[in-house]
């Protein structure tokens, strides 16, 4: 493969979806090459808050999320045990301060329970009994699922990639794809790091970088970047704190298995860019938002702040579809919740490659929905 620079499939993007696709294709005997412009998980995957949840407001996302969570419990062993996944199920708590938000959480929980997801609605008193350190003042209620939790995003991505390599996939890091190549309406390969690689199938899993690459063969993707920041604290004694997220202002916090906390917040003033960068404004805003909900963390030191790009679509739903260029298919636009869909994303890529019926109906994720005006909004996004 190195000599003739050809493969059955080329994957562009070394995040969790690209690595998972490589693994699933390799398990089925497909010779694939994975290109990543920097190091594996250097984009949105490695910079995420790494929350795992089944709390979604659309049936297809709930079904995929349920499948993903079932995979995570045995994934470390399946991928060879080289990387510790740090899979922990401390739960995921969505809190509401307004009647409108609470009504949406109740609607979401009803959908989830109809799909055998063990979510529940909680009153402020019930929250206080379970987690005495939370400040529930002004909270109307919450939605909670004890099965949800955390995974290490770098270990997840690296685990998939290394397992794919052992099965014959070539993983080329620091090899940016400059453009896709097509002829006669069909994909023929890519130009990467000054080399031409040929393949009849190319999968774009490059997050917000998928948009300019797709444009090199005339495909328009309605996927734009948003910069999101994250704070990391020093380590303190773990106390099984669930990931807690406010539907009203987008602020969240979670404790990691090593004791550190992640703080995040949705900030509409952040630039729409793939470039990283930090601000004192975010630092102040997110700490105020988080401390009013968990005052016990006052005095805990912040030791890191980083940022990374979301890849956002108009309805905050992914695009998983073949494009008008024959042989080119995409998996991007996850709008901030893509990491946890890595297992299902890889399986779907394999099923699409072989023309199989997908294990979940993904017609809602089709690219054509934007031109058709048939958007389907995901109400549970941050």
Protein backbone atom coordinates (compact mmCIF):
# COMPACT_ATOMS: atom_id res chain seq x y z
CA UNK A 1 0.00 0.00 0.00
CA UNK A 2 2.84 2.40 0.76
CA UNK A 3 4.44 1.83 -2.62
CA UNK A 4 1.43 2.35 -4.86
CA UNK A 5 -0.39 4.69 -2.47
CA UNK A 6 -3.75 3.08 -3.01
CA UNK A 7 -6.38 1.65 -0.73
CA UNK A 8 -9.96 0.43 -0.64
CA UNK A 9 -10.93 3.44 1.45
CA UNK A 10 -9.38 6.67 2.69
CA UNK A 11 -10.50 8.28 5.94
CA UNK A 12 -9.83 11.97 6.51
CA UNK A 13 -9.74 13.01 10.16
CA UNK A 14 -8.09 11.34 13.14
CA UNK A 15 -10.72 11.99 15.78
CA UNK A 16 -12.86 9.32 17.37
CA UNK A 17 -15.20 8.91 14.37
CA UNK A 18 -12.33 8.50 11.92
CA UNK A 19 -10.49 6.08 14.18
CA UNK A 20 -13.64 4.08 14.89
CA UNK A 21 -14.46 3.89 11.17
CA UNK A 22 -10.92 2.65 10.47
CA UNK A 23 -11.32 -0.06 13.09
CA UNK A 24 -14.73 -1.23 11.90
CA UNK A 25 -13.63 -1.29 8.26
CA UNK A 26 -10.41 -3.12 9.11
CA UNK A 27 -12.35 -5.77 11.03
CA UNK A 28 -14.23 -6.43 7.80
CA UNK A 29 -11.04 -6.81 5.76
CA UNK A 30 -11.00 -3.35 4.17
CA UNK A 31 -7.60 -1.85 3.38
CA UNK A 32 -7.85 1.72 4.60
CA UNK A 33 -5.58 4.70 5.13
CA UNK A 34 -6.39 7.25 7.83
CA UNK A 35 -5.02 10.79 7.44
CA UNK A 36 -4.74 13.23 10.35
CA UNK A 37 -3.30 16.71 9.93
CA UNK A 38 -1.73 16.72 13.42
CA UNK A 39 -1.82 14.02 16.09
CA UNK A 40 -4.72 11.66 16.78
CA UNK A 41 -7.53 13.38 18.74
CA UNK A 42 -5.93 16.79 18.24
CA UNK A 43 -9.23 18.37 17.15
CA UNK A 44 -12.64 18.37 18.77
CA UNK A 45 -12.41 14.80 20.09
CA UNK A 46 -9.45 15.40 22.37
CA UNK A 47 -10.69 18.78 23.55
CA UNK A 48 -14.16 17.66 24.56
CA UNK A 49 -15.60 17.35 28.07
CA UNK A 50 -15.94 13.61 27.34
CA UNK A 51 -19.41 13.21 28.81
CA UNK A 52 -21.43 10.10 27.97
CA UNK A 53 -25.19 10.50 27.97
CA UNK A 54 -28.39 9.01 26.70
CA UNK A 55 -30.30 12.21 27.40
CA UNK A 56 -31.43 13.37 23.96
CA UNK A 57 -34.71 14.67 22.65
CA UNK A 58 -34.80 12.87 19.30
CA UNK A 59 -35.41 9.15 18.98
CA UNK A 60 -32.53 8.42 16.63
CA UNK A 61 -29.99 10.04 18.96
CA UNK A 62 -31.43 8.15 21.94
CA UNK A 63 -31.17 4.85 20.10
CA UNK A 64 -27.59 5.52 18.99
CA UNK A 65 -26.60 6.76 22.46
CA UNK A 66 -28.02 3.63 24.08
CA UNK A 67 -25.97 1.47 21.70
CA UNK A 68 -22.82 3.50 22.40
CA UNK A 69 -23.14 3.11 26.15
CA UNK A 70 -23.54 -0.65 25.77
CA UNK A 71 -20.27 -0.69 23.79
CA UNK A 72 -18.25 1.38 26.26
CA UNK A 73 -18.48 -1.14 29.10
CA UNK A 74 -16.42 -3.73 27.18
CA UNK A 75 -14.57 -1.52 24.69
CA UNK A 76 -11.22 -1.38 26.50
CA UNK A 77 -10.95 -5.16 26.37
CA UNK A 78 -12.24 -5.34 22.79
CA UNK A 79 -9.57 -2.92 21.58
CA UNK A 80 -6.76 -4.86 23.20
CA UNK A 81 -6.42 -3.19 26.60
CA UNK A 82 -3.49 -1.00 25.57
CA UNK A 83 -5.23 2.20 26.70
CA UNK A 84 -7.20 2.69 29.91
CA UNK A 85 -10.57 4.12 28.92
CA UNK A 86 -11.38 5.44 32.44
CA UNK A 87 -15.01 4.54 31.83
CA UNK A 88 -17.04 5.70 34.84
CA UNK A 89 -20.79 5.80 35.36
CA UNK A 90 -21.43 8.57 37.89
CA UNK A 91 -24.51 9.78 36.07
CA UNK A 92 -25.59 12.82 34.08
CA UNK A 93 -27.84 15.49 35.62
CA UNK A 94 -29.68 18.16 33.59
CA UNK A 95 -31.11 20.93 35.78
CA UNK A 96 -33.78 23.49 34.91
CA UNK A 97 -34.53 26.95 36.30
CA UNK A 98 -37.54 27.75 34.11
CA UNK A 99 -40.86 26.03 33.48
CA UNK A 100 -40.08 25.94 29.77
CA UNK A 101 -36.80 24.09 30.33
CA UNK A 102 -38.39 21.70 32.81
CA UNK A 103 -41.16 20.88 30.34
CA UNK A 104 -38.52 19.99 27.74
CA UNK A 105 -36.64 17.79 30.21
CA UNK A 106 -39.86 15.96 31.08
CA UNK A 107 -40.60 15.44 27.40
CA UNK A 108 -37.07 14.13 26.84
CA UNK A 109 -37.30 11.71 29.78
CA UNK A 110 -40.64 10.37 28.54
CA UNK A 111 -39.04 9.60 25.17
CA UNK A 112 -36.00 7.99 26.78
CA UNK A 113 -38.06 5.77 29.07
CA UNK A 114 -40.12 4.60 26.09
CA UNK A 115 -36.82 3.33 24.64
CA UNK A 116 -35.79 1.53 27.87
CA UNK A 117 -33.33 4.23 28.93
CA UNK A 118 -33.58 4.48 32.75
CA UNK A 119 -33.87 8.26 33.03
CA UNK A 120 -35.93 9.95 35.72
CA UNK A 121 -37.16 13.39 36.69
CA UNK A 122 -36.11 14.75 40.08
CA UNK A 123 -37.40 17.51 42.32
CA UNK A 124 -34.98 19.97 43.99
CA UNK A 125 -35.50 18.11 47.27
CA UNK A 126 -34.61 14.79 45.70
CA UNK A 127 -31.47 16.31 44.20
CA UNK A 128 -30.43 17.74 47.56
CA UNK A 129 -30.90 14.37 49.25
CA UNK A 130 -28.70 12.61 46.69
CA UNK A 131 -26.05 15.31 46.32
CA UNK A 132 -26.00 17.52 49.44
CA UNK A 133 -23.20 19.68 48.04
CA UNK A 134 -25.43 21.05 45.24
CA UNK A 135 -27.11 24.41 45.63
CA UNK A 136 -30.64 23.77 44.36
CA UNK A 137 -32.00 27.27 45.11
CA UNK A 138 -34.29 28.45 42.28
CA UNK A 139 -34.06 25.08 40.52
CA UNK A 140 -37.43 23.74 39.39
CA UNK A 141 -36.28 20.20 38.75
CA UNK A 142 -33.94 17.99 36.77
CA UNK A 143 -33.51 14.92 34.58
CA UNK A 144 -31.03 12.24 35.63
CA UNK A 145 -29.68 8.97 34.24
CA UNK A 146 -27.39 6.96 36.50
CA UNK A 147 -26.01 4.87 33.61
CA UNK A 148 -24.32 7.88 31.97
CA UNK A 149 -20.82 9.09 32.74
CA UNK A 150 -17.30 9.68 31.43
CA UNK A 151 -14.60 8.24 29.19
CA UNK A 152 -11.08 9.37 28.35
CA UNK A 153 -11.31 10.90 24.85
CA UNK A 154 -7.64 10.41 23.96
CA UNK A 155 -7.61 6.78 25.08
CA UNK A 156 -10.85 6.16 23.19
CA UNK A 157 -9.46 7.59 19.94
CA UNK A 158 -6.02 6.03 20.31
CA UNK A 159 -7.53 2.67 21.24
CA UNK A 160 -9.57 2.54 18.05
CA UNK A 161 -6.64 3.72 15.91
CA UNK A 162 -4.11 1.25 17.32
CA UNK A 163 -6.57 -1.62 16.99
CA UNK A 164 -7.15 -0.61 13.37
CA UNK A 165 -3.39 -0.54 12.75
CA UNK A 166 -3.00 -4.06 14.12
CA UNK A 167 -5.62 -5.13 11.58
CA UNK A 168 -3.72 -3.54 8.69
CA UNK A 169 -4.87 0.10 8.53
CA UNK A 170 -2.21 2.68 7.74
CA UNK A 171 -2.46 5.67 10.09
CA UNK A 172 -0.65 8.74 8.84
CA UNK A 173 -0.40 11.57 11.36
CA UNK A 174 0.95 15.03 10.59
CA UNK A 175 -0.23 14.40 7.05
CA UNK A 176 -2.77 17.10 6.20
CA UNK A 177 -5.10 16.44 3.29
CA UNK A 178 -4.91 19.50 1.03
CA UNK A 179 -7.77 18.51 -1.23
CA UNK A 180 -10.02 15.70 -2.38
CA UNK A 181 -9.72 14.46 -5.96
CA UNK A 182 -12.57 13.44 -8.23
CA UNK A 183 -13.07 12.66 -11.91
CA UNK A 184 -16.29 12.34 -13.83
CA UNK A 185 -18.39 12.83 -10.71
CA UNK A 186 -16.57 10.08 -8.82
CA UNK A 187 -14.09 10.35 -5.98
CA UNK A 188 -10.64 9.02 -6.88
CA UNK A 189 -8.52 9.90 -3.87
CA UNK A 190 -6.84 12.71 -1.98
CA UNK A 191 -3.78 14.90 -2.08
CA UNK A 192 -2.09 14.65 1.32
CA UNK A 193 1.23 16.14 2.38
CA UNK A 194 2.14 16.55 -1.27
CA UNK A 195 1.33 12.94 -2.21
CA UNK A 196 -1.55 11.55 -4.25
CA UNK A 197 -3.35 8.61 -2.68
CA UNK A 198 -5.98 6.71 -4.65
CA UNK A 199 -9.17 5.08 -3.39
CA UNK A 200 -12.69 4.60 -4.77
CA UNK A 201 -14.20 5.58 -1.39
CA UNK A 202 -13.31 8.52 0.83
CA UNK A 203 -14.88 9.21 4.22
CA UNK A 204 -14.76 12.75 5.64
CA UNK A 205 -14.71 12.74 9.45
CA UNK A 206 -12.77 15.98 9.91
CA UNK A 207 -15.26 17.97 11.98
CA UNK A 208 -15.40 21.63 10.90
CA UNK A 209 -12.45 21.06 8.58
CA UNK A 210 -14.72 18.80 6.51
CA UNK A 211 -16.43 21.84 4.98
CA UNK A 212 -13.47 23.31 3.04
CA UNK A 213 -12.29 19.84 2.02
CA UNK A 214 -15.69 18.87 0.63
CA UNK A 215 -15.72 22.14 -1.30
CA UNK A 216 -12.62 21.04 -3.24
CA UNK A 217 -14.88 18.61 -5.14
CA UNK A 218 -17.89 20.91 -5.25
CA UNK A 219 -19.83 19.59 -2.25
CA UNK A 220 -21.34 22.18 0.08
CA UNK A 221 -21.63 21.19 3.73
CA UNK A 222 -23.62 23.45 6.09
CA UNK A 223 -21.10 22.83 8.88
CA UNK A 224 -19.48 25.76 10.67
CA UNK A 225 -17.02 25.97 13.57
CA UNK A 226 -17.65 27.35 17.05
CA UNK A 227 -14.92 27.78 19.64
CA UNK A 228 -15.71 26.36 23.08
CA UNK A 229 -13.56 26.65 26.20
CA UNK A 230 -12.95 24.31 29.11
CA UNK A 231 -11.37 24.79 32.53
CA UNK A 232 -9.56 22.02 34.40
CA UNK A 233 -9.00 22.15 38.16
CA UNK A 234 -6.46 20.57 40.43
CA UNK A 235 -7.24 17.08 41.69
CA UNK A 236 -9.35 16.66 44.80
CA UNK A 237 -10.76 13.55 46.43
CA UNK A 238 -13.31 11.91 44.07
CA UNK A 239 -16.86 11.93 45.38
CA UNK A 240 -18.86 10.51 42.47
CA UNK A 241 -20.15 13.88 41.30
CA UNK A 242 -22.41 13.44 38.25
CA UNK A 243 -21.91 15.61 35.23
CA UNK A 244 -24.27 18.48 35.97
CA UNK A 245 -25.52 20.70 33.20
CA UNK A 246 -27.96 23.60 33.12
CA UNK A 247 -30.32 23.61 30.17
CA UNK A 248 -31.00 27.34 30.65
CA UNK A 249 -27.50 28.82 30.34
CA UNK A 250 -25.36 25.92 29.11
CA UNK A 251 -23.02 25.84 32.11
CA UNK A 252 -21.74 22.43 33.22
CA UNK A 253 -19.26 20.74 35.52
CA UNK A 254 -18.08 17.18 36.09
CA UNK A 255 -15.49 15.36 38.11
CA UNK A 256 -13.04 13.04 36.39
CA UNK A 257 -11.92 9.69 37.84
CA UNK A 258 -8.56 11.28 38.75
CA UNK A 259 -10.32 13.92 40.89
CA UNK A 260 -9.99 16.95 38.59
CA UNK A 261 -13.07 18.92 37.57
CA UNK A 262 -14.05 20.18 34.14
CA UNK A 263 -15.96 23.48 33.94
CA UNK A 264 -17.64 24.59 30.73
CA UNK A 265 -20.24 27.01 29.49
CA UNK A 266 -22.00 27.86 26.26
CA UNK A 267 -20.88 31.37 25.27
CA UNK A 268 -22.47 32.86 22.15
CA UNK A 269 -19.78 35.54 22.03
CA UNK A 270 -16.99 33.04 21.35
CA UNK A 271 -15.61 33.36 17.80
CA UNK A 272 -16.76 31.06 15.04
CA UNK A 273 -13.34 29.65 14.28
CA UNK A 274 -11.27 26.49 14.33
CA UNK A 275 -8.43 28.43 15.93
CA UNK A 276 -7.84 27.85 19.64
CA UNK A 277 -7.69 30.68 22.13
CA UNK A 278 -8.66 31.59 25.68
CA UNK A 279 -10.14 34.62 27.40
CA UNK A 280 -10.43 36.01 30.90
CA UNK A 281 -14.10 36.68 30.15
CA UNK A 282 -14.79 32.98 29.84
CA UNK A 283 -12.75 32.19 32.94
CA UNK A 284 -14.78 34.61 35.04
CA UNK A 285 -18.16 33.73 33.54
CA UNK A 286 -17.89 29.97 33.85
CA UNK A 287 -16.53 30.00 37.40
CA UNK A 288 -19.38 32.25 38.55
CA UNK A 289 -21.93 29.97 36.86
CA UNK A 290 -20.48 26.78 38.30
CA UNK A 291 -19.82 28.00 41.85
CA UNK A 292 -23.39 29.14 42.33
CA UNK A 293 -24.42 25.51 41.74
CA UNK A 294 -21.64 23.75 43.64
CA UNK A 295 -20.21 26.23 46.18
CA UNK A 296 -18.16 23.43 47.76
CA UNK A 297 -15.60 23.94 44.98
CA UNK A 298 -14.78 27.48 46.09
CA UNK A 299 -11.01 27.72 46.55
CA UNK A 300 -10.18 24.80 44.27
CA UNK A 301 -7.46 25.98 41.89
CA UNK A 302 -7.81 26.13 38.11
CA UNK A 303 -4.68 24.72 36.47
CA UNK A 304 -5.58 24.59 32.76
CA UNK A 305 -7.80 26.32 30.27
CA UNK A 306 -8.14 25.12 26.71
CA UNK A 307 -10.44 25.49 23.75
CA UNK A 308 -11.52 23.46 20.76
CA UNK A 309 -13.98 23.64 17.88
CA UNK A 310 -17.51 22.34 17.67
CA UNK A 311 -18.69 21.46 14.15
CA UNK A 312 -22.22 22.87 14.07
CA UNK A 313 -25.14 22.41 11.68
CA UNK A 314 -28.31 24.55 11.55
CA UNK A 315 -30.35 21.93 13.46
CA UNK A 316 -27.53 20.77 15.76
CA UNK A 317 -27.66 17.33 14.23
CA UNK A 318 -24.94 15.39 12.43
CA UNK A 319 -24.65 14.69 8.73
CA UNK A 320 -24.10 10.98 7.99
CA UNK A 321 -24.63 10.42 4.30
CA UNK A 322 -23.23 9.83 0.85
CA UNK A 323 -22.63 13.05 -1.07
CA UNK A 324 -23.44 13.86 -4.72
CA UNK A 325 -19.85 12.88 -5.58
CA UNK A 326 -19.95 9.12 -6.03
CA UNK A 327 -17.83 7.35 -3.42
CA UNK A 328 -17.57 10.31 -1.02
CA UNK A 329 -19.41 10.04 2.27
CA UNK A 330 -19.37 12.23 5.38
CA UNK A 331 -19.79 11.94 9.11
CA UNK A 332 -19.57 15.38 10.73
CA UNK A 333 -21.61 18.23 12.19
CA UNK A 334 -22.17 16.68 15.61
CA UNK A 335 -22.55 20.10 17.27
CA UNK A 336 -20.69 19.28 20.46
CA UNK A 337 -21.94 15.79 21.34
CA UNK A 338 -20.01 13.73 18.81
CA UNK A 339 -17.38 12.02 20.97
CA UNK A 340 -19.85 9.68 22.63
CA UNK A 341 -21.18 8.57 19.23
CA UNK A 342 -17.82 7.10 18.20
CA UNK A 343 -18.86 3.43 18.43
CA UNK A 344 -22.04 3.90 16.43
CA UNK A 345 -20.31 6.21 13.94
CA UNK A 346 -17.74 3.54 13.08
CA UNK A 347 -20.36 0.83 12.73
CA UNK A 348 -22.49 3.01 10.47
CA UNK A 349 -19.46 3.82 8.29
CA UNK A 350 -18.83 0.11 7.80
CA UNK A 351 -22.46 -0.65 7.02
CA UNK A 352 -22.64 2.21 4.52
CA UNK A 353 -19.40 1.09 2.84
CA UNK A 354 -20.89 -2.36 2.17
CA UNK A 355 -24.34 -1.07 1.26
CA UNK A 356 -25.90 -2.84 4.24
CA UNK A 357 -29.04 -1.77 6.01
CA UNK A 358 -27.90 0.40 8.91
CA UNK A 359 -28.68 -0.91 12.38
CA UNK A 360 -30.54 2.33 13.14
CA UNK A 361 -32.52 4.32 10.58
CA UNK A 362 -30.33 7.36 9.81
CA UNK A 363 -32.37 9.01 7.07
CA UNK A 364 -32.86 12.01 9.34
CA UNK A 365 -29.10 12.66 9.12
CA UNK A 366 -29.12 12.95 5.33
CA UNK A 367 -27.31 15.87 3.71
CA UNK A 368 -30.31 16.76 1.54
CA UNK A 369 -32.49 17.79 4.48
CA UNK A 370 -31.06 21.31 4.45
CA UNK A 371 -31.99 22.00 0.83
CA UNK A 372 -35.36 20.36 1.47
CA UNK A 373 -36.04 22.53 4.50
CA UNK A 374 -36.65 19.38 6.53
CA UNK A 375 -34.53 20.08 9.58
CA UNK A 376 -34.95 18.10 12.79
CA UNK A 377 -33.79 20.00 15.83
CA UNK A 378 -32.02 18.29 18.71
CA UNK A 379 -33.36 20.01 21.86
CA UNK A 380 -30.74 18.50 24.18
CA UNK A 381 -27.52 20.10 22.97
CA UNK A 382 -24.92 22.34 24.58
